[in-house]
Each structure stands twice: as structure tokens, then as C-alpha cells.
């Protein structure tokens, strides 16, 4: 019986569609958003292999994985995970009116061109070299002391953002490239 279940699960994820058997719908609108799940459950559900960053510029924890069926599709899937800092100076202080902005990395993978082509046409994104000849699109987000990095490889769109980290553009660029290189 266990081998039959494994075979069915393998067939669901290998045929290029989202396996919703262990997912619960959180919201259905233009997109279907599922209740966030542990990495292991997400990896069984999404129709592509998701690799995760191994480098971060701060100690962090990881959240559950957020999965979205783009335009209610089970073929076009977006998976995201967030890595907030857990360093002592960045913690919320109980009873304080002013709270620190917690540095974080947001990482998203889509198995289609979700926004990349649109970003590549905008002047606010600058091309930068990531690794092995891969070019990324880089943009500063001054309001959040952060930056974004987007690239497209093997029919997948990758998005990284590093927020509440630094006002130094070169430091943000260097750190985002290091995170991207660790995937």
C-alpha cells in the first residue's frame, strides 16, 4: 500500500501539476493561495524541484512555504519562503512603542515567467552578473533599506529580496549575489 501511495505522489508531482492532496486552500480569487506548509510538504506538492539558499548575511529562521496556483492553475505555481533575522538586536521588544524593522530575505520561485519579462523592460532595474553567465535584474528599495534581485533560468523565475538590511547599495548588491550563488 505504501509503495502505491508513493507511486501516485510521484506521478502527481512529475506530471507538471501541483499536488493539492496535502494542501488546504486559504483563499481563492484570481490566484489560489494555500495555507503555508512545512518545506517537506511543499516539496512533495510543487511540480518542480525547489532549491533553497544556504548563505545569509545574518542568523535567521525560516518560515513555512507559501504556495500559490497562479490564475487558479495547478500547472503555473509560485512557491515562496521567508528568512527573518533572529539576531538579538533585531528582536521585537515587548511593551515598546517603536519596534525595529527585522532584516529578512524573501525567496520566491515560479515555474513560469511571472514578472521577469516585464521587469527587464523597466529602466529602474539594472542588469548584474550573478554566476555562470546568468544575468539578474537588480533594483534598490530605499524605503525598506533593501534591494531585489530577479533572474530567469531553466524556465523558472527566481526572486530574492533583502530588506531592512543596509543603506549601502554595494553591500546590498554583494549580499544578494552571494545569496543567489548559494542556491
C-alpha atoms as a PDB file:
ATOM      1  CA  UNK A   1       0.000   0.000   0.000  1.00  0.00           C
ATOM      2  CA  UNK A   2       2.810   2.443   0.891  1.00  0.00           C
ATOM      3  CA  UNK A   3       4.522   1.877  -2.455  1.00  0.00           C
ATOM      4  CA  UNK A   4       1.228   2.571  -4.263  1.00  0.00           C
ATOM      5  CA  UNK A   5       0.851   5.901  -2.423  1.00  0.00           C
ATOM      6  CA  UNK A   6       4.449   6.818  -3.227  1.00  0.00           C
ATOM      7  CA  UNK A   7       3.880   5.946  -6.882  1.00  0.00           C
ATOM      8  CA  UNK A   8       0.733   8.088  -7.013  1.00  0.00           C
ATOM      9  CA  UNK A   9       2.515  11.001  -5.282  1.00  0.00           C
ATOM     10  CA  UNK A  10       5.456  10.740  -7.682  1.00  0.00           C
ATOM     11  CA  UNK A  11       3.107  10.726 -10.653  1.00  0.00           C
ATOM     12  CA  UNK A  12       1.312  13.836  -9.416  1.00  0.00           C
ATOM     13  CA  UNK A  13       4.457  15.898  -8.964  1.00  0.00           C
ATOM     14  CA  UNK A  14       6.287  14.601 -12.005  1.00  0.00           C
ATOM     15  CA  UNK A  15       3.491  15.368 -14.466  1.00  0.00           C
ATOM     16  CA  UNK A  16       3.966  19.100 -14.025  1.00  0.00           C
ATOM     17  CA  UNK A  17       0.949  19.878 -11.858  1.00  0.00           C
ATOM     18  CA  UNK A  18       0.521  20.894  -8.261  1.00  0.00           C
ATOM     19  CA  UNK A  19      -0.451  18.029  -5.947  1.00  0.00           C
ATOM     20  CA  UNK A  20      -3.028  19.599  -3.624  1.00  0.00           C
ATOM     21  CA  UNK A  21      -3.652  16.438  -1.587  1.00  0.00           C
ATOM     22  CA  UNK A  22      -1.833  17.814   1.494  1.00  0.00           C
ATOM     23  CA  UNK A  23      -2.695  21.480   0.892  1.00  0.00           C
ATOM     24  CA  UNK A  24      -5.582  23.490   2.267  1.00  0.00           C
ATOM     25  CA  UNK A  25      -6.962  26.432   0.294  1.00  0.00           C
ATOM     26  CA  UNK A  26      -6.555  29.691   2.191  1.00  0.00           C
ATOM     27  CA  UNK A  27      -8.048  31.995  -0.434  1.00  0.00           C
ATOM     28  CA  UNK A  28      -9.441  31.652  -3.941  1.00  0.00           C
ATOM     29  CA  UNK A  29      -9.565  34.765  -6.047  1.00  0.00           C
ATOM     30  CA  UNK A  30      -7.558  35.471  -9.195  1.00  0.00           C
ATOM     31  CA  UNK A  31      -4.960  33.078  -7.754  1.00  0.00           C
ATOM     32  CA  UNK A  32      -5.419  30.133  -5.417  1.00  0.00           C
ATOM     33  CA  UNK A  33      -3.420  30.686  -2.242  1.00  0.00           C
ATOM     34  CA  UNK A  34      -2.805  27.717   0.034  1.00  0.00           C
ATOM     35  CA  UNK A  35      -2.224  27.694   3.779  1.00  0.00           C
ATOM     36  CA  UNK A  36       1.581  27.820   4.332  1.00  0.00           C
ATOM     37  CA  UNK A  37       3.172  24.397   4.849  1.00  0.00           C
ATOM     38  CA  UNK A  38       6.455  22.888   6.021  1.00  0.00           C
ATOM     39  CA  UNK A  39       9.200  22.540   3.390  1.00  0.00           C
ATOM     40  CA  UNK A  40       8.796  18.773   3.178  1.00  0.00           C
ATOM     41  CA  UNK A  41       5.101  19.044   2.322  1.00  0.00           C
ATOM     42  CA  UNK A  42       5.758  21.855  -0.178  1.00  0.00           C
ATOM     43  CA  UNK A  43       8.466  19.834  -1.913  1.00  0.00           C
ATOM     44  CA  UNK A  44       6.047  16.940  -2.405  1.00  0.00           C
ATOM     45  CA  UNK A  45       3.298  19.253  -3.686  1.00  0.00           C
ATOM     46  CA  UNK A  46       5.022  21.598  -6.130  1.00  0.00           C
ATOM     47  CA  UNK A  47       5.674  20.389  -9.684  1.00  0.00           C
ATOM     48  CA  UNK A  48       9.364  21.331  -9.696  1.00  0.00           C
ATOM     49  CA  UNK A  49      12.413  20.813  -7.534  1.00  0.00           C
ATOM     50  CA  UNK A  50      12.978  23.816  -5.317  1.00  0.00           C
ATOM     51  CA  UNK A  51      16.487  24.604  -4.163  1.00  0.00           C
ATOM     52  CA  UNK A  52      16.996  26.895  -1.189  1.00  0.00           C
ATOM     53  CA  UNK A  53      19.685  29.436  -0.294  1.00  0.00           C
ATOM     54  CA  UNK A  54      22.395  28.236   2.064  1.00  0.00           C
ATOM     55  CA  UNK A  55      24.037  31.637   2.651  1.00  0.00           C
ATOM     56  CA  UNK A  56      22.502  34.538   4.567  1.00  0.00           C
ATOM     57  CA  UNK A  57      24.138  37.725   5.889  1.00  0.00           C
ATOM     58  CA  UNK A  58      22.597  37.158   9.340  1.00  0.00           C
ATOM     59  CA  UNK A  59      21.414  34.345  11.591  1.00  0.00           C
ATOM     60  CA  UNK A  60      17.849  33.511  10.646  1.00  0.00           C
ATOM     61  CA  UNK A  61      14.917  31.204  10.915  1.00  0.00           C
ATOM     62  CA  UNK A  62      12.761  30.060   8.037  1.00  0.00           C
ATOM     63  CA  UNK A  63       9.034  30.345   7.715  1.00  0.00           C
ATOM     64  CA  UNK A  64       6.723  27.817   6.175  1.00  0.00           C
ATOM     65  CA  UNK A  65       6.463  27.735   2.379  1.00  0.00           C
ATOM     66  CA  UNK A  66       3.723  29.777   0.741  1.00  0.00           C
ATOM     67  CA  UNK A  67       2.293  28.156  -2.401  1.00  0.00           C
ATOM     68  CA  UNK A  68       0.112  29.858  -4.988  1.00  0.00           C
ATOM     69  CA  UNK A  69      -1.619  28.411  -8.026  1.00  0.00           C
ATOM     70  CA  UNK A  70      -1.194  31.313 -10.463  1.00  0.00           C
ATOM     71  CA  UNK A  71      -4.512  32.324 -12.026  1.00  0.00           C
ATOM     72  CA  UNK A  72      -6.026  29.269 -10.290  1.00  0.00           C
ATOM     73  CA  UNK A  73      -3.734  26.959 -12.255  1.00  0.00           C
ATOM     74  CA  UNK A  74      -2.142  23.760 -10.970  1.00  0.00           C
ATOM     75  CA  UNK A  75       0.494  23.966 -13.731  1.00  0.00           C
ATOM     76  CA  UNK A  76       1.717  27.527 -13.055  1.00  0.00           C
ATOM     77  CA  UNK A  77       2.920  27.505  -9.466  1.00  0.00           C
ATOM     78  CA  UNK A  78       4.692  30.029  -7.250  1.00  0.00           C
ATOM     79  CA  UNK A  79       6.485  28.964  -4.040  1.00  0.00           C
ATOM     80  CA  UNK A  80       7.916  31.441  -1.501  1.00  0.00           C
ATOM     81  CA  UNK A  81       9.770  31.242   1.777  1.00  0.00           C
ATOM     82  CA  UNK A  82      10.911  33.995   4.124  1.00  0.00           C
ATOM     83  CA  UNK A  83      14.033  34.065   6.291  1.00  0.00           C
ATOM     84  CA  UNK A  84      13.746  36.688   9.077  1.00  0.00           C
ATOM     85  CA  UNK A  85      16.745  37.574  11.215  1.00  0.00           C
ATOM     86  CA  UNK A  86      16.907  36.179  14.745  1.00  0.00           C
ATOM     87  CA  UNK A  87      19.867  38.243  15.856  1.00  0.00           C
ATOM     88  CA  UNK A  88      19.492  39.726  19.315  1.00  0.00           C
ATOM     89  CA  UNK A  89      19.479  43.412  18.272  1.00  0.00           C
ATOM     90  CA  UNK A  90      16.704  42.802  15.749  1.00  0.00           C
ATOM     91  CA  UNK A  91      14.101  41.340  18.097  1.00  0.00           C
ATOM     92  CA  UNK A  92      10.816  42.979  18.920  1.00  0.00           C
ATOM     93  CA  UNK A  93      10.726  44.454  22.393  1.00  0.00           C
ATOM     94  CA  UNK A  94       7.594  43.778  24.375  1.00  0.00           C
ATOM     95  CA  UNK A  95       5.864  46.955  25.547  1.00  0.00           C
ATOM     96  CA  UNK A  96       7.900  49.273  23.299  1.00  0.00           C
ATOM     97  CA  UNK A  97       6.051  51.697  21.042  1.00  0.00           C
ATOM     98  CA  UNK A  98       8.888  51.825  18.489  1.00  0.00           C
ATOM     99  CA  UNK A  99       9.827  48.428  17.098  1.00  0.00           C
ATOM    100  CA  UNK A 100      12.842  47.623  14.919  1.00  0.00           C
ATOM    101  CA  UNK A 101      12.411  46.589  11.299  1.00  0.00           C
ATOM    102  CA  UNK A 102      13.573  42.971  11.180  1.00  0.00           C
ATOM    103  CA  UNK A 103      16.092  42.234   8.385  1.00  0.00           C
ATOM    104  CA  UNK A 104      14.812  39.452   6.163  1.00  0.00           C
ATOM    105  CA  UNK A 105      15.332  37.588   2.924  1.00  0.00           C
ATOM    106  CA  UNK A 106      12.327  36.648   0.807  1.00  0.00           C
ATOM    107  CA  UNK A 107      12.881  33.939  -1.797  1.00  0.00           C
ATOM    108  CA  UNK A 108      10.356  33.033  -4.492  1.00  0.00           C
ATOM    109  CA  UNK A 109      10.448  30.576  -7.391  1.00  0.00           C
ATOM    110  CA  UNK A 110       7.846  30.310 -10.161  1.00  0.00           C
ATOM    111  CA  UNK A 111       7.852  27.656 -12.857  1.00  0.00           C
ATOM    112  CA  UNK A 112       6.958  30.285 -15.490  1.00  0.00           C
ATOM    113  CA  UNK A 113       7.786  33.876 -16.432  1.00  0.00           C
ATOM    114  CA  UNK A 114       5.662  35.615 -13.838  1.00  0.00           C
ATOM    115  CA  UNK A 115       7.151  39.149 -13.903  1.00  0.00           C
ATOM    116  CA  UNK A 116      10.683  38.786 -15.279  1.00  0.00           C
ATOM    117  CA  UNK A 117       9.912  39.928 -18.853  1.00  0.00           C
ATOM    118  CA  UNK A 118       8.087  42.986 -17.511  1.00  0.00           C
ATOM    119  CA  UNK A 119      10.972  43.836 -15.169  1.00  0.00           C
ATOM    120  CA  UNK A 120      13.518  43.537 -17.983  1.00  0.00           C
ATOM    121  CA  UNK A 121      11.704  46.293 -19.889  1.00  0.00           C
ATOM    122  CA  UNK A 122      11.782  48.749 -16.968  1.00  0.00           C
ATOM    123  CA  UNK A 123      14.599  51.281 -16.568  1.00  0.00           C
ATOM    124  CA  UNK A 124      14.616  51.005 -12.781  1.00  0.00           C
ATOM    125  CA  UNK A 125      16.161  47.505 -12.978  1.00  0.00           C
ATOM    126  CA  UNK A 126      19.889  47.232 -13.708  1.00  0.00           C
ATOM    127  CA  UNK A 127      21.483  44.107 -15.135  1.00  0.00           C
ATOM    128  CA  UNK A 128      24.149  42.454 -12.971  1.00  0.00           C
ATOM    129  CA  UNK A 129      26.129  39.230 -13.276  1.00  0.00           C
ATOM    130  CA  UNK A 130      25.103  36.530 -10.796  1.00  0.00           C
ATOM    131  CA  UNK A 131      27.007  33.325 -11.618  1.00  0.00           C
ATOM    132  CA  UNK A 132      27.980  31.131 -14.542  1.00  0.00           C
ATOM    133  CA  UNK A 133      26.889  33.711 -17.097  1.00  0.00           C
ATOM    134  CA  UNK A 134      23.463  34.230 -15.542  1.00  0.00           C
ATOM    135  CA  UNK A 135      22.328  37.835 -15.641  1.00  0.00           C
ATOM    136  CA  UNK A 136      19.994  39.173 -13.000  1.00  0.00           C
ATOM    137  CA  UNK A 137      17.903  42.298 -12.666  1.00  0.00           C
ATOM    138  CA  UNK A 138      18.754  44.396  -9.612  1.00  0.00           C
ATOM    139  CA  UNK A 139      16.739  47.191  -8.018  1.00  0.00           C
ATOM    140  CA  UNK A 140      17.199  49.208  -4.834  1.00  0.00           C
ATOM    141  CA  UNK A 141      14.267  49.673  -2.446  1.00  0.00           C
ATOM    142  CA  UNK A 142      15.327  52.736  -0.435  1.00  0.00           C
ATOM    143  CA  UNK A 143      12.159  52.872   1.677  1.00  0.00           C
ATOM    144  CA  UNK A 144      12.972  49.442   3.116  1.00  0.00           C
ATOM    145  CA  UNK A 145      16.792  49.710   3.211  1.00  0.00           C
ATOM    146  CA  UNK A 146      16.906  46.826   0.809  1.00  0.00           C
ATOM    147  CA  UNK A 147      17.079  45.550  -2.729  1.00  0.00           C
ATOM    148  CA  UNK A 148      15.618  42.985  -5.115  1.00  0.00           C
ATOM    149  CA  UNK A 149      17.281  40.535  -7.483  1.00  0.00           C
ATOM    150  CA  UNK A 150      15.408  38.640 -10.207  1.00  0.00           C
ATOM    151  CA  UNK A 151      16.615  36.135 -12.799  1.00  0.00           C
ATOM    152  CA  UNK A 152      15.246  33.554 -15.182  1.00  0.00           C
ATOM    153  CA  UNK A 153      16.878  30.168 -15.682  1.00  0.00           C
ATOM    154  CA  UNK A 154      15.660  26.797 -16.998  1.00  0.00           C
ATOM    155  CA  UNK A 155      12.081  28.048 -17.481  1.00  0.00           C
ATOM    156  CA  UNK A 156      11.909  29.277 -13.875  1.00  0.00           C
ATOM    157  CA  UNK A 157      11.758  32.751 -12.436  1.00  0.00           C
ATOM    158  CA  UNK A 158      13.767  33.385  -9.267  1.00  0.00           C
ATOM    159  CA  UNK A 159      13.193  36.362  -6.988  1.00  0.00           C
ATOM    160  CA  UNK A 160      15.197  37.429  -3.956  1.00  0.00           C
ATOM    161  CA  UNK A 161      14.692  40.449  -1.766  1.00  0.00           C
ATOM    162  CA  UNK A 162      16.867  41.559   1.124  1.00  0.00           C
ATOM    163  CA  UNK A 163      15.003  44.089   3.270  1.00  0.00           C
ATOM    164  CA  UNK A 164      15.777  46.253   6.297  1.00  0.00           C
ATOM    165  CA  UNK A 165      19.439  45.389   5.975  1.00  0.00           C
ATOM    166  CA  UNK A 166      21.578  48.293   4.741  1.00  0.00           C
ATOM    167  CA  UNK A 167      21.564  51.679   3.048  1.00  0.00           C
ATOM    168  CA  UNK A 168      24.788  50.786   1.218  1.00  0.00           C
ATOM    169  CA  UNK A 169      23.935  49.884  -2.395  1.00  0.00           C
ATOM    170  CA  UNK A 170      27.155  47.945  -2.993  1.00  0.00           C
ATOM    171  CA  UNK A 171      26.698  45.922   0.192  1.00  0.00           C
ATOM    172  CA  UNK A 172      23.115  45.061  -0.800  1.00  0.00           C
ATOM    173  CA  UNK A 173      24.225  44.029  -4.292  1.00  0.00           C
ATOM    174  CA  UNK A 174      27.108  41.918  -2.941  1.00  0.00           C
ATOM    175  CA  UNK A 175      24.929  40.158  -0.363  1.00  0.00           C
ATOM    176  CA  UNK A 176      22.111  39.405  -2.810  1.00  0.00           C
ATOM    177  CA  UNK A 177      24.570  37.918  -5.308  1.00  0.00           C
ATOM    178  CA  UNK A 178      26.092  35.769  -2.519  1.00  0.00           C
ATOM    179  CA  UNK A 179      22.618  34.520  -1.560  1.00  0.00           C
ATOM    180  CA  UNK A 180      21.770  33.802  -5.221  1.00  0.00           C
ATOM    181  CA  UNK A 181      25.089  31.988  -5.709  1.00  0.00           C
ATOM    182  CA  UNK A 182      24.290  29.742  -2.719  1.00  0.00           C
ATOM    183  CA  UNK A 183      21.145  28.359  -4.361  1.00  0.00           C
END
